[in-house]
Amino acid sequence: MQGPDGLSHDLPGACAAYERAIAASGGVDLRLLGIGTDGHIGFNEPGSSLASRTRVKTLTAQTRADNARFFAAPDEVPHHVLTQGLGTIREARHLVLLATGAGKAEAVARTVEGAVSASCPASVLRLHPHVSVLLDEAAAAGLQHLAYYRETWAGKPAWQGL
């Protein structure tokens, strides 16, 4: 499925059309997510509604700086994006969060072990029944219960899959 039409002259309409297309297709089976250093997922910055739908979002200076490497020049990084909302993301049947590097360790710890809160949008993943969190050692470094997670992963029944 193609994403929302970011070139539309009616961005709210394009977002609504995208939501309808997801529903018409039977929903999303797998949603692969990264995490920002501030705990955002899918450009849902801190303070985003945990029930939000696909919409236009304003990027913070930190998110723009983190994404500057994908652009030829810093002034080319957009100030606004279209993103699936946290409510839309949560409707996927399986969520996979992938994080690498020490710069993500604090956000990962807040996501996995902190309070579910709009101040760490990724924490909403804890309300989902099927989430896999895949981390390297550096991104996992802030987890207090790392030994527990490793033990339960090692003993996970094969029928559960990823």
N, C-alpha and C. Protein backbone atom coordinates (compact mmCIF):
# COMPACT_ATOMS: atom_id res chain seq x y z
N MET A 1 0.85 -1.17 0.00
CA MET A 1 0.00 0.00 0.00
C MET A 1 0.89 1.23 0.00
N GLN A 2 0.50 2.19 -0.76
CA GLN A 2 1.21 3.46 -0.84
C GLN A 2 0.83 4.34 0.34
N GLY A 3 1.72 5.22 0.76
CA GLY A 3 1.45 6.13 1.87
C GLY A 3 0.51 7.24 1.46
N PRO A 4 0.19 8.13 2.38
CA PRO A 4 -0.70 9.26 2.05
C PRO A 4 -0.04 10.18 1.03
N ASP A 5 -0.85 10.85 0.24
CA ASP A 5 -0.37 11.73 -0.82
C ASP A 5 0.14 13.04 -0.23
N GLY A 6 1.45 13.12 -0.03
CA GLY A 6 2.06 14.31 0.54
C GLY A 6 2.08 15.51 -0.39
N LEU A 7 1.74 15.32 -1.65
CA LEU A 7 1.70 16.43 -2.60
C LEU A 7 0.28 16.95 -2.83
N SER A 8 -0.67 16.39 -2.12
CA SER A 8 -2.06 16.81 -2.26
C SER A 8 -2.23 18.26 -1.82
N HIS A 9 -3.19 18.95 -2.43
CA HIS A 9 -3.53 20.31 -2.01
C HIS A 9 -4.46 20.28 -0.81
N ASP A 10 -4.94 19.08 -0.45
CA ASP A 10 -5.82 18.87 0.70
C ASP A 10 -5.18 17.81 1.59
N LEU A 11 -4.19 18.20 2.40
CA LEU A 11 -3.47 17.23 3.22
C LEU A 11 -4.36 16.52 4.23
N PRO A 12 -5.25 17.22 4.94
CA PRO A 12 -6.15 16.47 5.84
C PRO A 12 -7.00 15.45 5.08
N GLY A 13 -7.45 15.81 3.88
CA GLY A 13 -8.21 14.87 3.06
C GLY A 13 -7.37 13.68 2.63
N ALA A 14 -6.11 13.91 2.30
CA ALA A 14 -5.21 12.83 1.92
C ALA A 14 -4.97 11.88 3.10
N CYS A 15 -4.87 12.44 4.29
CA CYS A 15 -4.69 11.61 5.48
C CYS A 15 -5.93 10.76 5.74
N ALA A 16 -7.10 11.36 5.60
CA ALA A 16 -8.36 10.62 5.79
C ALA A 16 -8.50 9.52 4.73
N ALA A 17 -8.12 9.82 3.49
CA ALA A 17 -8.18 8.83 2.42
C ALA A 17 -7.24 7.65 2.72
N TYR A 18 -6.08 7.94 3.28
CA TYR A 18 -5.12 6.90 3.64
C TYR A 18 -5.71 6.00 4.73
N GLU A 19 -6.34 6.59 5.71
CA GLU A 19 -6.99 5.80 6.77
C GLU A 19 -8.06 4.89 6.17
N ARG A 20 -8.84 5.42 5.24
CA ARG A 20 -9.87 4.60 4.58
C ARG A 20 -9.24 3.47 3.77
N ALA A 21 -8.12 3.74 3.11
CA ALA A 21 -7.43 2.71 2.32
C ALA A 21 -6.91 1.60 3.22
N ILE A 22 -6.39 1.95 4.38
CA ILE A 22 -5.93 0.92 5.33
C ILE A 22 -7.10 0.04 5.73
N ALA A 23 -8.21 0.65 6.09
CA ALA A 23 -9.39 -0.12 6.50
C ALA A 23 -9.91 -1.00 5.36
N ALA A 24 -9.95 -0.45 4.15
CA ALA A 24 -10.47 -1.19 3.01
C ALA A 24 -9.59 -2.39 2.65
N SER A 25 -8.30 -2.29 2.96
CA SER A 25 -7.39 -3.39 2.64
C SER A 25 -7.38 -4.47 3.72
N GLY A 26 -8.11 -4.26 4.78
CA GLY A 26 -8.12 -5.24 5.87
C GLY A 26 -7.14 -4.95 6.97
N GLY A 27 -6.49 -3.80 6.93
CA GLY A 27 -5.56 -3.41 7.99
C GLY A 27 -4.12 -3.75 7.66
N VAL A 28 -3.26 -3.40 8.58
CA VAL A 28 -1.82 -3.60 8.43
C VAL A 28 -1.41 -4.85 9.21
N ASP A 29 -0.71 -5.76 8.55
CA ASP A 29 -0.24 -6.97 9.23
C ASP A 29 0.98 -6.69 10.10
N LEU A 30 1.98 -6.02 9.53
CA LEU A 30 3.25 -5.79 10.23
C LEU A 30 3.66 -4.34 10.06
N ARG A 31 4.01 -3.71 11.15
CA ARG A 31 4.48 -2.32 11.12
C ARG A 31 5.86 -2.30 11.74
N LEU A 32 6.87 -1.97 10.93
CA LEU A 32 8.25 -1.86 11.39
C LEU A 32 8.48 -0.42 11.83
N LEU A 33 8.99 -0.24 13.03
CA LEU A 33 9.17 1.08 13.61
C LEU A 33 10.60 1.31 14.08
N GLY A 34 11.05 2.53 13.93
CA GLY A 34 12.26 2.98 14.59
C GLY A 34 11.82 3.86 15.76
N ILE A 35 12.78 4.36 16.49
CA ILE A 35 12.47 5.22 17.63
C ILE A 35 13.43 6.41 17.62
N GLY A 36 12.89 7.57 17.89
CA GLY A 36 13.73 8.77 17.98
C GLY A 36 14.36 8.88 19.36
N THR A 37 15.37 9.71 19.46
CA THR A 37 16.05 9.88 20.74
C THR A 37 15.13 10.45 21.81
N ASP A 38 14.04 11.08 21.41
CA ASP A 38 13.07 11.61 22.37
C ASP A 38 11.88 10.67 22.58
N GLY A 39 11.96 9.46 22.02
CA GLY A 39 10.90 8.47 22.20
C GLY A 39 9.79 8.56 21.16
N HIS A 40 9.99 9.33 20.10
CA HIS A 40 8.93 9.39 19.08
C HIS A 40 9.00 8.18 18.17
N ILE A 41 7.85 7.79 17.66
CA ILE A 41 7.75 6.76 16.63
C ILE A 41 6.87 7.32 15.53
N GLY A 42 7.24 7.02 14.29
CA GLY A 42 6.45 7.49 13.16
C GLY A 42 6.25 8.99 13.15
N PHE A 43 7.17 9.76 13.65
CA PHE A 43 7.09 11.22 13.73
C PHE A 43 5.98 11.70 14.65
N ASN A 44 5.53 10.85 15.55
CA ASN A 44 4.62 11.27 16.61
C ASN A 44 5.48 11.78 17.75
N GLU A 45 5.68 13.09 17.76
CA GLU A 45 6.57 13.73 18.72
C GLU A 45 5.97 13.68 20.12
N PRO A 46 6.80 13.88 21.17
CA PRO A 46 6.27 13.93 22.53
C PRO A 46 5.10 14.91 22.62
N GLY A 47 4.05 14.46 23.29
CA GLY A 47 2.83 15.24 23.41
C GLY A 47 1.75 14.80 22.45
N SER A 48 2.10 13.91 21.51
CA SER A 48 1.11 13.41 20.55
C SER A 48 0.03 12.60 21.27
N SER A 49 -1.18 12.71 20.79
CA SER A 49 -2.28 11.92 21.34
C SER A 49 -2.01 10.44 21.13
N LEU A 50 -2.25 9.66 22.17
CA LEU A 50 -2.05 8.21 22.07
C LEU A 50 -3.11 7.56 21.18
N ALA A 51 -4.16 8.30 20.83
CA ALA A 51 -5.23 7.79 19.97
C ALA A 51 -5.20 8.44 18.58
N SER A 52 -4.16 9.18 18.26
CA SER A 52 -4.11 9.96 17.02
C SER A 52 -4.17 9.10 15.77
N ARG A 53 -4.64 9.70 14.69
CA ARG A 53 -4.76 9.07 13.38
C ARG A 53 -3.74 9.72 12.43
N THR A 54 -3.66 9.25 11.21
CA THR A 54 -2.75 9.81 10.22
C THR A 54 -3.03 11.30 10.07
N ARG A 55 -1.94 12.10 10.11
CA ARG A 55 -2.11 13.55 10.10
C ARG A 55 -0.81 14.26 9.78
N VAL A 56 -0.89 15.59 9.68
CA VAL A 56 0.28 16.44 9.49
C VAL A 56 0.88 16.71 10.87
N LYS A 57 2.20 16.56 10.99
CA LYS A 57 2.89 16.86 12.25
C LYS A 57 4.05 17.82 11.99
N THR A 58 4.31 18.68 12.95
CA THR A 58 5.45 19.57 12.93
C THR A 58 6.61 18.87 13.63
N LEU A 59 7.77 18.85 12.98
CA LEU A 59 8.94 18.19 13.55
C LEU A 59 9.68 19.13 14.49
N THR A 60 10.20 18.56 15.58
CA THR A 60 11.02 19.34 16.50
C THR A 60 12.40 19.56 15.90
N ALA A 61 13.12 20.50 16.46
CA ALA A 61 14.49 20.76 16.01
C ALA A 61 15.35 19.51 16.17
N GLN A 62 15.16 18.76 17.27
CA GLN A 62 15.94 17.55 17.50
C GLN A 62 15.66 16.50 16.42
N THR A 63 14.41 16.30 16.09
CA THR A 63 14.06 15.32 15.06
C THR A 63 14.60 15.75 13.70
N ARG A 64 14.54 17.04 13.42
CA ARG A 64 15.09 17.53 12.16
C ARG A 64 16.60 17.31 12.12
N ALA A 65 17.28 17.57 13.23
CA ALA A 65 18.73 17.36 13.29
C ALA A 65 19.08 15.88 13.14
N ASP A 66 18.29 15.02 13.80
CA ASP A 66 18.53 13.57 13.70
C ASP A 66 18.36 13.05 12.28
N ASN A 67 17.50 13.69 11.49
CA ASN A 67 17.21 13.23 10.14
C ASN A 67 17.96 13.98 9.05
N ALA A 68 18.78 14.94 9.44
CA ALA A 68 19.51 15.75 8.46
C ALA A 68 20.43 14.90 7.58
N ARG A 69 20.90 13.78 8.12
CA ARG A 69 21.80 12.91 7.34
C ARG A 69 21.15 12.35 6.08
N PHE A 70 19.83 12.39 6.00
CA PHE A 70 19.12 11.88 4.82
C PHE A 70 18.93 12.93 3.73
N PHE A 71 19.43 14.14 3.97
CA PHE A 71 19.23 15.24 3.03
C PHE A 71 20.58 15.83 2.64
N ALA A 72 20.62 16.49 1.48
CA ALA A 72 21.86 17.07 0.97
C ALA A 72 22.32 18.25 1.83
N ALA A 73 21.38 18.98 2.42
CA ALA A 73 21.72 20.14 3.23
C ALA A 73 20.71 20.26 4.37
N PRO A 74 21.14 20.78 5.52
CA PRO A 74 20.24 20.90 6.68
C PRO A 74 18.96 21.69 6.40
N ASP A 75 19.03 22.69 5.52
CA ASP A 75 17.83 23.50 5.25
C ASP A 75 16.82 22.74 4.38
N GLU A 76 17.18 21.55 3.87
CA GLU A 76 16.26 20.74 3.08
C GLU A 76 15.39 19.82 3.95
N VAL A 77 15.73 19.68 5.23
CA VAL A 77 14.95 18.83 6.12
C VAL A 77 13.59 19.48 6.34
N PRO A 78 12.50 18.75 6.09
CA PRO A 78 11.18 19.36 6.21
C PRO A 78 10.84 19.74 7.66
N HIS A 79 9.98 20.72 7.79
CA HIS A 79 9.48 21.13 9.10
C HIS A 79 8.19 20.41 9.44
N HIS A 80 7.52 19.88 8.40
CA HIS A 80 6.25 19.18 8.58
C HIS A 80 6.27 17.88 7.78
N VAL A 81 5.57 16.87 8.30
CA VAL A 81 5.48 15.57 7.64
C VAL A 81 4.06 15.02 7.79
N LEU A 82 3.75 14.03 6.97
CA LEU A 82 2.54 13.24 7.18
C LEU A 82 2.97 11.98 7.89
N THR A 83 2.22 11.58 8.90
CA THR A 83 2.59 10.39 9.66
C THR A 83 1.36 9.63 10.10
N GLN A 84 1.51 8.31 10.19
CA GLN A 84 0.47 7.54 10.85
C GLN A 84 0.45 7.96 12.31
N GLY A 85 -0.73 8.13 12.85
CA GLY A 85 -0.86 8.46 14.27
C GLY A 85 -0.64 7.23 15.13
N LEU A 86 -0.52 7.46 16.42
CA LEU A 86 -0.28 6.35 17.35
C LEU A 86 -1.45 5.38 17.38
N GLY A 87 -2.67 5.89 17.24
CA GLY A 87 -3.84 5.01 17.18
C GLY A 87 -3.82 4.15 15.93
N THR A 88 -3.41 4.74 14.82
CA THR A 88 -3.31 3.99 13.56
C THR A 88 -2.23 2.92 13.67
N ILE A 89 -1.08 3.29 14.19
CA ILE A 89 0.03 2.34 14.36
C ILE A 89 -0.40 1.17 15.24
N ARG A 90 -1.09 1.46 16.32
CA ARG A 90 -1.49 0.41 17.28
C ARG A 90 -2.46 -0.60 16.67
N GLU A 91 -3.11 -0.27 15.56
CA GLU A 91 -4.06 -1.20 14.96
C GLU A 91 -3.40 -2.28 14.10
N ALA A 92 -2.10 -2.15 13.82
CA ALA A 92 -1.40 -3.21 13.08
C ALA A 92 -1.42 -4.48 13.92
N ARG A 93 -1.46 -5.62 13.26
CA ARG A 93 -1.53 -6.87 13.99
C ARG A 93 -0.23 -7.22 14.72
N HIS A 94 0.91 -6.81 14.19
CA HIS A 94 2.20 -7.06 14.84
C HIS A 94 3.07 -5.82 14.66
N LEU A 95 3.63 -5.37 15.75
CA LEU A 95 4.53 -4.21 15.72
C LEU A 95 5.95 -4.69 16.03
N VAL A 96 6.91 -4.21 15.26
CA VAL A 96 8.32 -4.53 15.50
C VAL A 96 9.05 -3.20 15.66
N LEU A 97 9.67 -3.02 16.81
CA LEU A 97 10.49 -1.83 17.08
C LEU A 97 11.95 -2.23 17.00
N LEU A 98 12.70 -1.52 16.16
CA LEU A 98 14.11 -1.79 15.97
C LEU A 98 14.90 -0.57 16.42
N ALA A 99 15.89 -0.78 17.30
CA ALA A 99 16.71 0.33 17.77
C ALA A 99 18.15 -0.11 17.91
N THR A 100 19.06 0.75 17.48
CA THR A 100 20.49 0.48 17.60
C THR A 100 21.20 1.72 18.13
N GLY A 101 22.26 1.49 18.85
CA GLY A 101 23.13 2.57 19.29
C GLY A 101 22.81 3.12 20.66
N ALA A 102 23.86 3.63 21.32
CA ALA A 102 23.74 4.18 22.66
C ALA A 102 22.81 5.39 22.71
N GLY A 103 22.71 6.12 21.61
CA GLY A 103 21.86 7.29 21.57
C GLY A 103 20.38 6.97 21.74
N LYS A 104 20.01 5.72 21.55
CA LYS A 104 18.61 5.31 21.69
C LYS A 104 18.32 4.65 23.04
N ALA A 105 19.35 4.41 23.86
CA ALA A 105 19.18 3.64 25.10
C ALA A 105 18.18 4.27 26.06
N GLU A 106 18.23 5.57 26.25
CA GLU A 106 17.30 6.21 27.18
C GLU A 106 15.87 6.12 26.68
N ALA A 107 15.66 6.38 25.40
CA ALA A 107 14.32 6.29 24.82
C ALA A 107 13.78 4.86 24.89
N VAL A 108 14.63 3.88 24.64
CA VAL A 108 14.22 2.48 24.73
C VAL A 108 13.82 2.14 26.16
N ALA A 109 14.61 2.55 27.13
CA ALA A 109 14.30 2.27 28.54
C ALA A 109 12.97 2.91 28.94
N ARG A 110 12.74 4.14 28.52
CA ARG A 110 11.46 4.81 28.83
C ARG A 110 10.30 4.09 28.15
N THR A 111 10.52 3.60 26.94
CA THR A 111 9.48 2.90 26.20
C THR A 111 9.12 1.58 26.86
N VAL A 112 10.12 0.80 27.21
CA VAL A 112 9.91 -0.56 27.70
C VAL A 112 9.61 -0.61 29.19
N GLU A 113 10.20 0.28 29.98
CA GLU A 113 10.08 0.17 31.43
C GLU A 113 9.48 1.40 32.11
N GLY A 114 9.27 2.47 31.39
CA GLY A 114 8.71 3.68 31.99
C GLY A 114 7.19 3.67 31.93
N ALA A 115 6.61 4.77 32.35
CA ALA A 115 5.16 4.91 32.32
C ALA A 115 4.67 5.07 30.88
N VAL A 116 3.48 4.58 30.60
CA VAL A 116 2.83 4.83 29.32
C VAL A 116 2.38 6.28 29.36
N SER A 117 2.93 7.08 28.45
CA SER A 117 2.68 8.52 28.51
C SER A 117 2.93 9.16 27.16
N ALA A 118 2.18 10.22 26.89
CA ALA A 118 2.40 10.98 25.66
C ALA A 118 3.76 11.65 25.65
N SER A 119 4.41 11.76 26.80
CA SER A 119 5.75 12.36 26.82
C SER A 119 6.79 11.41 26.22
N CYS A 120 6.46 10.13 26.12
CA CYS A 120 7.28 9.14 25.40
C CYS A 120 6.32 8.37 24.50
N PRO A 121 6.06 8.90 23.31
CA PRO A 121 5.05 8.28 22.44
C PRO A 121 5.24 6.78 22.20
N ALA A 122 6.47 6.32 22.12
CA ALA A 122 6.72 4.89 21.87
C ALA A 122 6.21 4.02 23.01
N SER A 123 6.02 4.58 24.18
CA SER A 123 5.52 3.79 25.31
C SER A 123 4.13 3.23 25.05
N VAL A 124 3.40 3.81 24.10
CA VAL A 124 2.07 3.30 23.74
C VAL A 124 2.15 1.87 23.21
N LEU A 125 3.31 1.45 22.76
CA LEU A 125 3.48 0.09 22.25
C LEU A 125 3.18 -0.95 23.33
N ARG A 126 3.33 -0.56 24.58
CA ARG A 126 3.08 -1.50 25.68
C ARG A 126 1.60 -1.84 25.82
N LEU A 127 0.74 -1.10 25.15
CA LEU A 127 -0.69 -1.39 25.17
C LEU A 127 -1.10 -2.37 24.06
N HIS A 128 -0.14 -2.76 23.24
CA HIS A 128 -0.42 -3.64 22.09
C HIS A 128 -0.16 -5.10 22.47
N PRO A 129 -0.99 -6.03 21.99
CA PRO A 129 -0.81 -7.44 22.37
C PRO A 129 0.33 -8.18 21.68
N HIS A 130 0.92 -7.63 20.60
CA HIS A 130 1.97 -8.36 19.90
C HIS A 130 3.04 -7.39 19.39
N VAL A 131 4.03 -7.15 20.25
CA VAL A 131 5.14 -6.25 19.92
C VAL A 131 6.44 -7.01 20.10
N SER A 132 7.34 -6.88 19.14
CA SER A 132 8.69 -7.42 19.26
C SER A 132 9.64 -6.23 19.27
N VAL A 133 10.54 -6.20 20.25
CA VAL A 133 11.53 -5.12 20.38
C VAL A 133 12.90 -5.75 20.12
N LEU A 134 13.54 -5.31 19.05
CA LEU A 134 14.84 -5.85 18.65
C LEU A 134 15.91 -4.78 18.85
N LEU A 135 16.90 -5.08 19.70
CA LEU A 135 17.89 -4.09 20.11
C LEU A 135 19.30 -4.64 20.00
N ASP A 136 20.25 -3.76 19.76
CA ASP A 136 21.64 -4.16 19.93
C ASP A 136 22.02 -3.89 21.39
N GLU A 137 23.22 -4.29 21.77
CA GLU A 137 23.66 -4.15 23.17
C GLU A 137 23.61 -2.69 23.64
N ALA A 138 24.05 -1.78 22.78
CA ALA A 138 24.10 -0.37 23.16
C ALA A 138 22.71 0.19 23.41
N ALA A 139 21.75 -0.14 22.57
CA ALA A 139 20.38 0.37 22.75
C ALA A 139 19.70 -0.27 23.95
N ALA A 140 20.13 -1.47 24.33
CA ALA A 140 19.55 -2.18 25.48
C ALA A 140 20.22 -1.81 26.79
N ALA A 141 21.27 -1.02 26.75
CA ALA A 141 22.09 -0.76 27.93
C ALA A 141 21.34 -0.11 29.10
N GLY A 142 20.29 0.61 28.85
CA GLY A 142 19.56 1.29 29.92
C GLY A 142 18.45 0.47 30.55
N LEU A 143 18.24 -0.75 30.08
CA LEU A 143 17.15 -1.57 30.60
C LEU A 143 17.53 -2.20 31.95
N GLN A 144 16.70 -1.98 32.95
CA GLN A 144 16.96 -2.52 34.28
C GLN A 144 16.71 -4.02 34.36
N HIS A 145 15.81 -4.52 33.54
CA HIS A 145 15.42 -5.93 33.61
C HIS A 145 15.92 -6.71 32.41
N LEU A 146 17.08 -6.35 31.91
CA LEU A 146 17.63 -6.97 30.71
C LEU A 146 17.79 -8.49 30.86
N ALA A 147 18.24 -8.95 32.00
CA ALA A 147 18.42 -10.39 32.22
C ALA A 147 17.08 -11.11 32.09
N TYR A 148 16.01 -10.52 32.61
CA TYR A 148 14.67 -11.10 32.49
C TYR A 148 14.25 -11.20 31.02
N TYR A 149 14.46 -10.12 30.26
CA TYR A 149 14.06 -10.12 28.85
C TYR A 149 14.82 -11.19 28.07
N ARG A 150 16.10 -11.34 28.37
CA ARG A 150 16.90 -12.36 27.68
C ARG A 150 16.41 -13.76 28.03
N GLU A 151 16.09 -13.97 29.30
CA GLU A 151 15.62 -15.28 29.73
C GLU A 151 14.28 -15.63 29.09
N THR A 152 13.36 -14.69 29.06
CA THR A 152 12.05 -14.98 28.48
C THR A 152 12.15 -15.17 26.95
N TRP A 153 13.06 -14.43 26.31
CA TRP A 153 13.26 -14.60 24.86
C TRP A 153 13.81 -16.01 24.59
N ALA A 154 14.78 -16.43 25.38
CA ALA A 154 15.38 -17.76 25.19
C ALA A 154 14.36 -18.87 25.41
N GLY A 155 13.40 -18.65 26.29
CA GLY A 155 12.40 -19.67 26.58
C GLY A 155 11.10 -19.50 25.83
N LYS A 156 11.07 -18.61 24.87
CA LYS A 156 9.85 -18.32 24.13
C LYS A 156 9.42 -19.53 23.31
N PRO A 157 8.14 -19.92 23.38
CA PRO A 157 7.67 -21.06 22.59
C PRO A 157 7.78 -20.77 21.09
N ALA A 158 8.16 -21.76 20.32
CA ALA A 158 8.34 -21.60 18.87
C ALA A 158 7.04 -21.17 18.20
N TRP A 159 5.89 -21.60 18.70
CA TRP A 159 4.62 -21.27 18.06
C TRP A 159 4.29 -19.79 18.13
N GLN A 160 4.96 -19.04 19.01
CA GLN A 160 4.69 -17.61 19.09
C GLN A 160 5.33 -16.83 17.96
N GLY A 161 6.31 -17.40 17.29
CA GLY A 161 6.98 -16.68 16.21
C GLY A 161 7.77 -15.50 16.75
N LEU A 162 8.05 -14.56 15.88
CA LEU A 162 8.82 -13.37 16.28
C LEU A 162 7.97 -12.61 17.23
